[in-house]
Amino acid sequence: MYIESKTGGLTGPARIGRVTFSKTGRTLHYQGRAFQSLKGAGFKANYYDTGSGAEYWISGPKKDGSDRLYGEAVPVEIDDDAREEYWREIRGLPNKAGQRLANR
């Protein structure tokens, strides 16, 4: 998934990483944190961290790499355990499987 923090404004630190869902599908888990849907209540955010209340934009990564809402060319880190699948399956660029950053 594409996970971008919205606590600092419209563009924040972002990552591509693997998430898990609760049995009900209402809670998403990533790196020891739990996120729930804002259900349209947030400004340019669709999830919030249940522990801190911080808002995030979380979505499936796009094939063309344009995951940021406004198309900014700000680098996005890719987690080690998702890197090969991201470049091979999502972006269709297997020759980039070793790259740790997207959108640069």
PDB file of N, CA and C in Angstrom:
ATOM      1  N   MET A   1       0.839  -1.179   0.000  1.00  0.00           N
ATOM      2  CA  MET A   1       0.000   0.000   0.000  1.00  0.00           C
ATOM      3  C   MET A   1       0.888   1.248   0.000  1.00  0.00           C
ATOM      4  N   TYR A   2       0.323   2.328  -0.455  1.00  0.00           N
ATOM      5  CA  TYR A   2       0.971   3.631  -0.398  1.00  0.00           C
ATOM      6  C   TYR A   2       0.484   4.298   0.883  1.00  0.00           C
ATOM      7  N   ILE A   3       1.417   4.756   1.725  1.00  0.00           N
ATOM      8  CA  ILE A   3       1.084   5.315   3.041  1.00  0.00           C
ATOM      9  C   ILE A   3       1.783   6.657   3.173  1.00  0.00           C
ATOM     10  N   GLU A   4       1.006   7.748   3.247  1.00  0.00           N
ATOM     11  CA  GLU A   4       1.583   9.089   3.340  1.00  0.00           C
ATOM     12  C   GLU A   4       1.039   9.825   4.562  1.00  0.00           C
ATOM     13  N   SER A   5       1.942  10.334   5.372  1.00  0.00           N
ATOM     14  CA  SER A   5       1.553  11.115   6.544  1.00  0.00           C
ATOM     15  C   SER A   5       1.041  12.478   6.107  1.00  0.00           C
ATOM     16  N   LYS A   6      -0.046  12.915   6.694  1.00  0.00           N
ATOM     17  CA  LYS A   6      -0.619  14.225   6.381  1.00  0.00           C
ATOM     18  C   LYS A   6      -0.523  15.182   7.564  1.00  0.00           C
ATOM     19  N   THR A   7       0.262  14.824   8.578  1.00  0.00           N
ATOM     20  CA  THR A   7       0.342  15.661   9.778  1.00  0.00           C
ATOM     21  C   THR A   7       1.042  16.990   9.534  1.00  0.00           C
ATOM     22  N   GLY A   8       1.932  17.064   8.540  1.00  0.00           N
ATOM     23  CA  GLY A   8       2.671  18.300   8.286  1.00  0.00           C
ATOM     24  C   GLY A   8       2.080  19.149   7.176  1.00  0.00           C
ATOM     25  N   GLY A   9       0.987  18.729   6.580  1.00  0.00           N
ATOM     26  CA  GLY A   9       0.390  19.485   5.487  1.00  0.00           C
ATOM     27  C   GLY A   9      -0.044  18.572   4.359  1.00  0.00           C
ATOM     28  N   LEU A  10      -0.088  19.131   3.152  1.00  0.00           N
ATOM     29  CA  LEU A  10      -0.591  18.375   2.010  1.00  0.00           C
ATOM     30  C   LEU A  10       0.353  17.280   1.532  1.00  0.00           C
ATOM     31  N   THR A  11       1.664  17.486   1.690  1.00  0.00           N
ATOM     32  CA  THR A  11       2.653  16.498   1.274  1.00  0.00           C
ATOM     33  C   THR A  11       3.503  16.113   2.466  1.00  0.00           C
ATOM     34  N   GLY A  12       3.567  14.839   2.755  1.00  0.00           N
ATOM     35  CA  GLY A  12       4.356  14.391   3.893  1.00  0.00           C
ATOM     36  C   GLY A  12       5.194  13.186   3.544  1.00  0.00           C
ATOM     37  N   PRO A  13       5.935  12.668   4.520  1.00  0.00           N
ATOM     38  CA  PRO A  13       6.725  11.469   4.285  1.00  0.00           C
ATOM     39  C   PRO A  13       5.825  10.322   3.849  1.00  0.00           C
ATOM     40  N   ALA A  14       6.319   9.542   2.881  1.00  0.00           N
ATOM     41  CA  ALA A  14       5.495   8.466   2.334  1.00  0.00           C
ATOM     42  C   ALA A  14       6.315   7.205   2.144  1.00  0.00           C
ATOM     43  N   ARG A  15       5.603   6.060   2.149  1.00  0.00           N
ATOM     44  CA  ARG A  15       6.244   4.757   1.978  1.00  0.00           C
ATOM     45  C   ARG A  15       5.329   3.857   1.151  1.00  0.00           C
ATOM     46  N   ILE A  16       5.956   2.875   0.535  1.00  0.00           N
ATOM     47  CA  ILE A  16       5.227   1.765  -0.069  1.00  0.00           C
ATOM     48  C   ILE A  16       5.552   0.575   0.822  1.00  0.00           C
ATOM     49  N   GLY A  17       4.534  -0.084   1.355  1.00  0.00           N
ATOM     50  CA  GLY A  17       4.786  -1.204   2.252  1.00  0.00           C
ATOM     51  C   GLY A  17       3.608  -2.152   2.334  1.00  0.00           C
ATOM     52  N   ARG A  18       3.854  -3.268   2.955  1.00  0.00           N
ATOM     53  CA  ARG A  18       2.808  -4.279   3.147  1.00  0.00           C
ATOM     54  C   ARG A  18       1.991  -3.948   4.393  1.00  0.00           C
ATOM     55  N   VAL A  19       0.696  -4.102   4.288  1.00  0.00           N
ATOM     56  CA  VAL A  19      -0.205  -3.912   5.415  1.00  0.00           C
ATOM     57  C   VAL A  19      -0.997  -5.195   5.618  1.00  0.00           C
ATOM     58  N   THR A  20      -1.586  -5.312   6.786  1.00  0.00           N
ATOM     59  CA  THR A  20      -2.522  -6.405   7.036  1.00  0.00           C
ATOM     60  C   THR A  20      -3.831  -5.779   7.486  1.00  0.00           C
ATOM     61  N   PHE A  21      -4.896  -6.520   7.320  1.00  0.00           N
ATOM     62  CA  PHE A  21      -6.219  -6.048   7.705  1.00  0.00           C
ATOM     63  C   PHE A  21      -6.752  -6.897   8.843  1.00  0.00           C
ATOM     64  N   SER A  22      -7.556  -6.282   9.687  1.00  0.00           N
ATOM     65  CA  SER A  22      -8.211  -7.034  10.757  1.00  0.00           C
ATOM     66  C   SER A  22      -9.222  -7.989  10.139  1.00  0.00           C
ATOM     67  N   LYS A  23      -9.748  -8.900  10.940  1.00  0.00           N
ATOM     68  CA  LYS A  23     -10.733  -9.861  10.435  1.00  0.00           C
ATOM     69  C   LYS A  23     -11.956  -9.164   9.844  1.00  0.00           C
ATOM     70  N   THR A  24     -12.352  -8.045  10.431  1.00  0.00           N
ATOM     71  CA  THR A  24     -13.525  -7.320   9.923  1.00  0.00           C
ATOM     72  C   THR A  24     -13.182  -6.432   8.734  1.00  0.00           C
ATOM     73  N   GLY A  25     -11.903  -6.168   8.540  1.00  0.00           N
ATOM     74  CA  GLY A  25     -11.481  -5.292   7.452  1.00  0.00           C
ATOM     75  C   GLY A  25     -11.563  -3.816   7.793  1.00  0.00           C
ATOM     76  N   ARG A  26     -11.963  -3.494   9.014  1.00  0.00           N
ATOM     77  CA  ARG A  26     -12.144  -2.087   9.409  1.00  0.00           C
ATOM     78  C   ARG A  26     -10.839  -1.444   9.876  1.00  0.00           C
ATOM     79  N   THR A  27      -9.873  -2.265  10.273  1.00  0.00           N
ATOM     80  CA  THR A  27      -8.598  -1.750  10.765  1.00  0.00           C
ATOM     81  C   THR A  27      -7.471  -2.277   9.902  1.00  0.00           C
ATOM     82  N   LEU A  28      -6.565  -1.386   9.570  1.00  0.00           N
ATOM     83  CA  LEU A  28      -5.401  -1.712   8.760  1.00  0.00           C
ATOM     84  C   LEU A  28      -4.185  -1.612   9.675  1.00  0.00           C
ATOM     85  N   HIS A  29      -3.249  -2.539   9.571  1.00  0.00           N
ATOM     86  CA  HIS A  29      -2.065  -2.540  10.436  1.00  0.00           C
ATOM     87  C   HIS A  29      -0.802  -2.389   9.601  1.00  0.00           C
ATOM     88  N   TYR A  30       0.105  -1.521  10.067  1.00  0.00           N
ATOM     89  CA  TYR A  30       1.383  -1.304   9.383  1.00  0.00           C
ATOM     90  C   TYR A  30       2.429  -0.908  10.417  1.00  0.00           C
ATOM     91  N   GLN A  31       3.525  -1.613  10.447  1.00  0.00           N
ATOM     92  CA  GLN A  31       4.649  -1.347  11.345  1.00  0.00           C
ATOM     93  C   GLN A  31       4.229  -1.098  12.800  1.00  0.00           C
ATOM     94  N   GLY A  32       3.388  -1.975  13.313  1.00  0.00           N
ATOM     95  CA  GLY A  32       2.970  -1.903  14.703  1.00  0.00           C
ATOM     96  C   GLY A  32       1.921  -0.845  15.016  1.00  0.00           C
ATOM     97  N   ARG A  33       1.420  -0.176  13.992  1.00  0.00           N
ATOM     98  CA  ARG A  33       0.375   0.838  14.201  1.00  0.00           C
ATOM     99  C   ARG A  33      -0.930   0.374  13.576  1.00  0.00           C
ATOM    100  N   ALA A  34      -2.025   0.862  14.121  1.00  0.00           N
ATOM    101  CA  ALA A  34      -3.349   0.525  13.609  1.00  0.00           C
ATOM    102  C   ALA A  34      -3.980   1.783  13.021  1.00  0.00           C
ATOM    103  N   PHE A  35      -4.636   1.629  11.877  1.00  0.00           N
ATOM    104  CA  PHE A  35      -5.282   2.743  11.185  1.00  0.00           C
ATOM    105  C   PHE A  35      -6.733   2.400  10.914  1.00  0.00           C
ATOM    106  N   GLN A  36      -7.609   3.401  11.068  1.00  0.00           N
ATOM    107  CA  GLN A  36      -9.017   3.219  10.735  1.00  0.00           C
ATOM    108  C   GLN A  36      -9.454   4.337   9.806  1.00  0.00           C
ATOM    109  N   SER A  37     -10.497   4.057   9.045  1.00  0.00           N
ATOM    110  CA  SER A  37     -10.998   4.989   8.048  1.00  0.00           C
ATOM    111  C   SER A  37     -11.567   6.252   8.690  1.00  0.00           C
ATOM    112  N   LEU A  38     -11.321   7.383   8.036  1.00  0.00           N
ATOM    113  CA  LEU A  38     -11.906   8.650   8.482  1.00  0.00           C
ATOM    114  C   LEU A  38     -13.320   8.812   7.949  1.00  0.00           C
ATOM    115  N   LYS A  39     -13.695   8.009   6.976  1.00  0.00           N
ATOM    116  CA  LYS A  39     -15.029   8.059   6.367  1.00  0.00           C
ATOM    117  C   LYS A  39     -15.369   9.455   5.861  1.00  0.00           C
ATOM    118  N   GLY A  40     -14.416  10.081   5.148  1.00  0.00           N
ATOM    119  CA  GLY A  40     -14.653  11.378   4.522  1.00  0.00           C
ATOM    120  C   GLY A  40     -14.509  12.575   5.438  1.00  0.00           C
ATOM    121  N   ALA A  41     -14.133  12.373   6.705  1.00  0.00           N
ATOM    122  CA  ALA A  41     -14.072  13.488   7.656  1.00  0.00           C
ATOM    123  C   ALA A  41     -12.750  14.243   7.618  1.00  0.00           C
ATOM    124  N   GLY A  42     -11.729  13.679   6.979  1.00  0.00           N
ATOM    125  CA  GLY A  42     -10.416  14.311   6.994  1.00  0.00           C
ATOM    126  C   GLY A  42     -10.174  15.197   5.785  1.00  0.00           C
ATOM    127  N   PHE A  43      -9.183  16.083   5.906  1.00  0.00           N
ATOM    128  CA  PHE A  43      -8.784  16.948   4.800  1.00  0.00           C
ATOM    129  C   PHE A  43      -7.610  16.291   4.096  1.00  0.00           C
ATOM    130  N   LYS A  44      -7.834  15.784   2.898  1.00  0.00           N
ATOM    131  CA  LYS A  44      -6.811  15.096   2.107  1.00  0.00           C
ATOM    132  C   LYS A  44      -6.221  13.899   2.838  1.00  0.00           C
ATOM    133  N   ALA A  45      -7.004  13.287   3.677  1.00  0.00           N
ATOM    134  CA  ALA A  45      -6.602  12.084   4.402  1.00  0.00           C
ATOM    135  C   ALA A  45      -7.799  11.141   4.422  1.00  0.00           C
ATOM    136  N   ASN A  46      -7.516   9.843   4.434  1.00  0.00           N
ATOM    137  CA  ASN A  46      -8.616   8.885   4.464  1.00  0.00           C
ATOM    138  C   ASN A  46      -8.522   7.895   5.627  1.00  0.00           C
ATOM    139  N   TYR A  47      -7.412   7.935   6.371  1.00  0.00           N
ATOM    140  CA  TYR A  47      -7.231   7.079   7.548  1.00  0.00           C
ATOM    141  C   TYR A  47      -6.607   7.890   8.677  1.00  0.00           C
ATOM    142  N   TYR A  48      -6.768   7.388   9.887  1.00  0.00           N
ATOM    143  CA  TYR A  48      -6.086   7.991  11.026  1.00  0.00           C
ATOM    144  C   TYR A  48      -5.441   6.890  11.854  1.00  0.00           C
ATOM    145  N   ASP A  49      -4.329   7.235  12.496  1.00  0.00           N
ATOM    146  CA  ASP A  49      -3.607   6.322  13.388  1.00  0.00           C
ATOM    147  C   ASP A  49      -4.409   6.273  14.686  1.00  0.00           C
ATOM    148  N   THR A  50      -4.868   5.092  15.077  1.00  0.00           N
ATOM    149  CA  THR A  50      -5.726   4.982  16.260  1.00  0.00           C
ATOM    150  C   THR A  50      -4.989   5.321  17.554  1.00  0.00           C
ATOM    151  N   GLY A  51      -3.664   5.231  17.547  1.00  0.00           N
ATOM    152  CA  GLY A  51      -2.889   5.554  18.748  1.00  0.00           C
ATOM    153  C   GLY A  51      -2.625   7.038  18.902  1.00  0.00           C
ATOM    154  N   SER A  52      -2.276   7.705  17.804  1.00  0.00           N
ATOM    155  CA  SER A  52      -1.888   9.121  17.878  1.00  0.00           C
ATOM    156  C   SER A  52      -2.932  10.075  17.325  1.00  0.00           C
ATOM    157  N   GLY A  53      -3.852   9.572  16.515  1.00  0.00           N
ATOM    158  CA  GLY A  53      -4.842  10.438  15.874  1.00  0.00           C
ATOM    159  C   GLY A  53      -4.309  11.099  14.612  1.00  0.00           C
ATOM    160  N   ALA A  54      -3.041  10.876  14.274  1.00  0.00           N
ATOM    161  CA  ALA A  54      -2.446  11.484  13.075  1.00  0.00           C
ATOM    162  C   ALA A  54      -3.156  10.976  11.825  1.00  0.00           C
ATOM    163  N   GLU A  55      -3.301  11.873  10.846  1.00  0.00           N
ATOM    164  CA  GLU A  55      -4.014  11.522   9.623  1.00  0.00           C
ATOM    165  C   GLU A  55      -3.056  11.083   8.522  1.00  0.00           C
ATOM    166  N   TYR A  56      -3.546  10.154   7.674  1.00  0.00           N
ATOM    167  CA  TYR A  56      -2.753   9.566   6.601  1.00  0.00           C
ATOM    168  C   TYR A  56      -3.592   9.401   5.351  1.00  0.00           C
ATOM    169  N   TRP A  57      -2.920   9.386   4.205  1.00  0.00           N
ATOM    170  CA  TRP A  57      -3.529   8.971   2.949  1.00  0.00           C
ATOM    171  C   TRP A  57      -2.983   7.582   2.685  1.00  0.00           C
ATOM    172  N   ILE A  58      -3.860   6.583   2.620  1.00  0.00           N
ATOM    173  CA  ILE A  58      -3.453   5.204   2.380  1.00  0.00           C
ATOM    174  C   ILE A  58      -4.261   4.669   1.205  1.00  0.00           C
ATOM    175  N   SER A  59      -3.550   4.147   0.210  1.00  0.00           N
ATOM    176  CA  SER A  59      -4.229   3.606  -0.966  1.00  0.00           C
ATOM    177  C   SER A  59      -3.340   2.563  -1.626  1.00  0.00           C
ATOM    178  N   GLY A  60      -3.898   1.852  -2.565  1.00  0.00           N
ATOM    179  CA  GLY A  60      -3.105   0.912  -3.340  1.00  0.00           C
ATOM    180  C   GLY A  60      -2.132   1.694  -4.218  1.00  0.00           C
ATOM    181  N   PRO A  61      -0.922   1.194  -4.405  1.00  0.00           N
ATOM    182  CA  PRO A  61       0.035   1.901  -5.250  1.00  0.00           C
ATOM    183  C   PRO A  61      -0.402   1.870  -6.710  1.00  0.00           C
ATOM    184  N   LYS A  62      -0.119   2.942  -7.425  1.00  0.00           N
ATOM    185  CA  LYS A  62      -0.529   3.058  -8.823  1.00  0.00           C
ATOM    186  C   LYS A  62       0.562   2.537  -9.760  1.00  0.00           C
ATOM    187  N   LYS A  63       0.132   1.971 -10.853  1.00  0.00           N
ATOM    188  CA  LYS A  63       1.055   1.410 -11.834  1.00  0.00           C
ATOM    189  C   LYS A  63       2.013   2.463 -12.380  1.00  0.00           C
ATOM    190  N   ASP A  64       1.544   3.696 -12.546  1.00  0.00           N
ATOM    191  CA  ASP A  64       2.414   4.732 -13.112  1.00  0.00           C
ATOM    192  C   ASP A  64       3.243   5.453 -12.054  1.00  0.00           C
ATOM    193  N   GLY A  65       3.087   5.079 -10.777  1.00  0.00           N
ATOM    194  CA  GLY A  65       3.888   5.680  -9.708  1.00  0.00           C
ATOM    195  C   GLY A  65       3.402   7.029  -9.230  1.00  0.00           C
ATOM    196  N   SER A  66       2.267   7.495  -9.722  1.00  0.00           N
ATOM    197  CA  SER A  66       1.751   8.817  -9.335  1.00  0.00           C
ATOM    198  C   SER A  66       0.870   8.714  -8.092  1.00  0.00           C
ATOM    199  N   ASP A  67       1.440   8.237  -7.011  1.00  0.00           N
ATOM    200  CA  ASP A  67       0.663   7.990  -5.801  1.00  0.00           C
ATOM    201  C   ASP A  67       0.335   9.254  -5.019  1.00  0.00           C
ATOM    202  N   ARG A  68       1.190  10.240  -5.041  1.00  0.00           N
ATOM    203  CA  ARG A  68       0.928  11.476  -4.292  1.00  0.00           C
ATOM    204  C   ARG A  68      -0.272  12.198  -4.900  1.00  0.00           C
ATOM    205  N   LEU A  69      -1.063  12.823  -4.054  1.00  0.00           N
ATOM    206  CA  LEU A  69      -2.308  13.442  -4.506  1.00  0.00           C
ATOM    207  C   LEU A  69      -2.112  14.520  -5.564  1.00  0.00           C
ATOM    208  N   TYR A  70      -1.021  15.253  -5.493  1.00  0.00           N
ATOM    209  CA  TYR A  70      -0.813  16.363  -6.424  1.00  0.00           C
ATOM    210  C   TYR A  70       0.319  16.100  -7.404  1.00  0.00           C
ATOM    211  N   GLY A  71       0.766  14.858  -7.511  1.00  0.00           N
ATOM    212  CA  GLY A  71       1.777  14.491  -8.474  1.00  0.00           C
ATOM    213  C   GLY A  71       3.176  15.022  -8.203  1.00  0.00           C
ATOM    214  N   GLU A  72       3.459  15.409  -6.963  1.00  0.00           N
ATOM    215  CA  GLU A  72       4.789  15.912  -6.628  1.00  0.00           C
ATOM    216  C   GLU A  72       5.842  14.839  -6.883  1.00  0.00           C
ATOM    217  N   ALA A  73       6.999  15.258  -7.335  1.00  0.00           N
ATOM    218  CA  ALA A  73       8.105  14.329  -7.600  1.00  0.00           C
ATOM    219  C   ALA A  73       8.977  14.183  -6.360  1.00  0.00           C
ATOM    220  N   VAL A  74       8.359  13.953  -5.224  1.00  0.00           N
ATOM    221  CA  VAL A  74       9.065  13.771  -3.960  1.00  0.00           C
ATOM    222  C   VAL A  74       9.294  12.272  -3.781  1.00  0.00           C
ATOM    223  N   PRO A  75      10.526  11.852  -3.480  1.00  0.00           N
ATOM    224  CA  PRO A  75      10.807  10.419  -3.347  1.00  0.00           C
ATOM    225  C   PRO A  75       9.924   9.720  -2.309  1.00  0.00           C
ATOM    226  N   VAL A  76       9.606   8.472  -2.617  1.00  0.00           N
ATOM    227  CA  VAL A  76       8.806   7.613  -1.749  1.00  0.00           C
ATOM    228  C   VAL A  76       9.643   6.371  -1.451  1.00  0.00           C
ATOM    229  N   GLU A  77       9.878   6.100  -0.164  1.00  0.00           N
ATOM    230  CA  GLU A  77      10.653   4.912   0.211  1.00  0.00           C
ATOM    231  C   GLU A  77       9.815   3.657   0.026  1.00  0.00           C
ATOM    232  N   ILE A  78      10.492   2.582  -0.366  1.00  0.00           N
ATOM    233  CA  ILE A  78       9.829   1.293  -0.542  1.00  0.00           C
ATOM    234  C   ILE A  78      10.421   0.333   0.482  1.00  0.00           C
ATOM    235  N   ASP A  79       9.567  -0.264   1.300  1.00  0.00           N
ATOM    236  CA  ASP A  79      10.030  -1.222   2.304  1.00  0.00           C
ATOM    237  C   ASP A  79      10.741  -2.395   1.633  1.00  0.00           C
ATOM    238  N   ASP A  80      11.761  -2.916   2.304  1.00  0.00           N
ATOM    239  CA  ASP A  80      12.551  -4.026   1.764  1.00  0.00           C
ATOM    240  C   ASP A  80      11.695  -5.220   1.370  1.00  0.00           C
ATOM    241  N   ASP A  81      10.711  -5.576   2.208  1.00  0.00           N
ATOM    242  CA  ASP A  81       9.911  -6.769   1.935  1.00  0.00           C
ATOM    243  C   ASP A  81       8.877  -6.585   0.825  1.00  0.00           C
ATOM    244  N   ALA A  82       8.725  -5.370   0.313  1.00  0.00           N
ATOM    245  CA  ALA A  82       7.754  -5.102  -0.744  1.00  0.00           C
ATOM    246  C   ALA A  82       8.413  -4.646  -2.048  1.00  0.00           C
ATOM    247  N   ARG A  83       9.708  -4.393  -1.998  1.00  0.00           N
ATOM    248  CA  ARG A  83      10.398  -3.760  -3.129  1.00  0.00           C
ATOM    249  C   ARG A  83      10.319  -4.563  -4.425  1.00  0.00           C
ATOM    250  N   GLU A  84      10.690  -5.825  -4.381  1.00  0.00           N
ATOM    251  CA  GLU A  84      10.707  -6.609  -5.618  1.00  0.00           C
ATOM    252  C   GLU A  84       9.309  -6.727  -6.232  1.00  0.00           C
ATOM    253  N   GLU A  85       8.318  -7.023  -5.387  1.00  0.00           N
ATOM    254  CA  GLU A  85       6.945  -7.139  -5.894  1.00  0.00           C
ATOM    255  C   GLU A  85       6.444  -5.809  -6.455  1.00  0.00           C
ATOM    256  N   TYR A  86       6.773  -4.713  -5.785  1.00  0.00           N
ATOM    257  CA  TYR A  86       6.345  -3.392  -6.246  1.00  0.00           C
ATOM    258  C   TYR A  86       6.871  -3.127  -7.656  1.00  0.00           C
ATOM    259  N   TRP A  87       8.177  -3.283  -7.837  1.00  0.00           N
ATOM    260  CA  TRP A  87       8.761  -2.973  -9.151  1.00  0.00           C
ATOM    261  C   TRP A  87       8.343  -3.976 -10.217  1.00  0.00           C
ATOM    262  N   ARG A  88       8.232  -5.236  -9.862  1.00  0.00           N
ATOM    263  CA  ARG A  88       7.919  -6.274 -10.840  1.00  0.00           C
ATOM    264  C   ARG A  88       6.423  -6.321 -11.179  1.00  0.00           C
ATOM    265  N   GLU A  89       5.591  -6.440 -10.151  1.00  0.00           N
ATOM    266  CA  GLU A  89       4.162  -6.678 -10.360  1.00  0.00           C
ATOM    267  C   GLU A  89       3.336  -5.400 -10.546  1.00  0.00           C
ATOM    268  N   ILE A  90       3.646  -4.382  -9.793  1.00  0.00           N
ATOM    269  CA  ILE A  90       2.823  -3.168  -9.847  1.00  0.00           C
ATOM    270  C   ILE A  90       3.300  -2.213 -10.935  1.00  0.00           C
ATOM    271  N   ARG A  91       4.602  -1.925 -10.943  1.00  0.00           N
ATOM    272  CA  ARG A  91       5.137  -0.969 -11.909  1.00  0.00           C
ATOM    273  C   ARG A  91       5.535  -1.610 -13.237  1.00  0.00           C
ATOM    274  N   GLY A  92       5.736  -2.937 -13.256  1.00  0.00           N
ATOM    275  CA  GLY A  92       6.142  -3.598 -14.486  1.00  0.00           C
ATOM    276  C   GLY A  92       7.554  -3.227 -14.915  1.00  0.00           C
ATOM    277  N   LEU A  93       8.410  -2.935 -13.932  1.00  0.00           N
ATOM    278  CA  LEU A  93       9.792  -2.529 -14.204  1.00  0.00           C
ATOM    279  C   LEU A  93      10.756  -3.412 -13.413  1.00  0.00           C
ATOM    280  N   PRO A  94      10.859  -4.682 -13.775  1.00  0.00           N
ATOM    281  CA  PRO A  94      11.675  -5.604 -12.992  1.00  0.00           C
ATOM    282  C   PRO A  94      13.150  -5.210 -12.907  1.00  0.00           C
ATOM    283  N   ASN A  95      13.645  -4.452 -13.865  1.00  0.00           N
ATOM    284  CA  ASN A  95      15.043  -4.026 -13.834  1.00  0.00           C
ATOM    285  C   ASN A  95      15.327  -3.026 -12.714  1.00  0.00           C
ATOM    286  N   LYS A  96      14.294  -2.481 -12.087  1.00  0.00           N
ATOM    287  CA  LYS A  96      14.464  -1.528 -10.985  1.00  0.00           C
ATOM    288  C   LYS A  96      14.264  -2.175  -9.619  1.00  0.00           C
ATOM    289  N   ALA A  97      14.167  -3.490  -9.568  1.00  0.00           N
ATOM    290  CA  ALA A  97      13.837  -4.201  -8.325  1.00  0.00           C
ATOM    291  C   ALA A  97      14.776  -3.876  -7.162  1.00  0.00           C
ATOM    292  N   GLY A  98      15.957  -3.384  -7.427  1.00  0.00           N
ATOM    293  CA  GLY A  98      16.893  -3.034  -6.361  1.00  0.00           C
ATOM    294  C   GLY A  98      16.755  -1.605  -5.861  1.00  0.00           C
ATOM    295  N   GLN A  99      15.953  -0.797  -6.507  1.00  0.00           N
ATOM    296  CA  GLN A  99      15.813   0.608  -6.102  1.00  0.00           C
ATOM    297  C   GLN A  99      14.961   0.744  -4.856  1.00  0.00           C
ATOM    298  N   ARG A 100      15.449   1.540  -3.905  1.00  0.00           N
ATOM    299  CA  ARG A 100      14.751   1.751  -2.636  1.00  0.00           C
ATOM    300  C   ARG A 100      13.792   2.926  -2.677  1.00  0.00           C
ATOM    301  N   LEU A 101      13.884   3.751  -3.714  1.00  0.00           N
ATOM    302  CA  LEU A 101      13.038   4.942  -3.814  1.00  0.00           C
ATOM    303  C   LEU A 101      12.267   4.934  -5.119  1.00  0.00           C
ATOM    304  N   ALA A 102      11.027   5.374  -5.049  1.00  0.00           N
ATOM    305  CA  ALA A 102      10.187   5.564  -6.223  1.00  0.00           C
ATOM    306  C   ALA A 102       9.900   7.057  -6.340  1.00  0.00           C
ATOM    307  N   ASN A 103       9.406   7.451  -7.495  1.00  0.00           N
ATOM    308  CA  ASN A 103       8.970   8.836  -7.708  1.00  0.00           C
ATOM    309  C   ASN A 103      10.130   9.825  -7.635  1.00  0.00           C
ATOM    310  N   ARG A 104      11.251   9.466  -8.234  1.00  0.00           N
ATOM    311  CA  ARG A 104      12.364  10.413  -8.284  1.00  0.00           C
ATOM    312  C   ARG A 104      12.910  10.496  -9.673  1.00  0.00           C
TER     313      ARG A 104
END
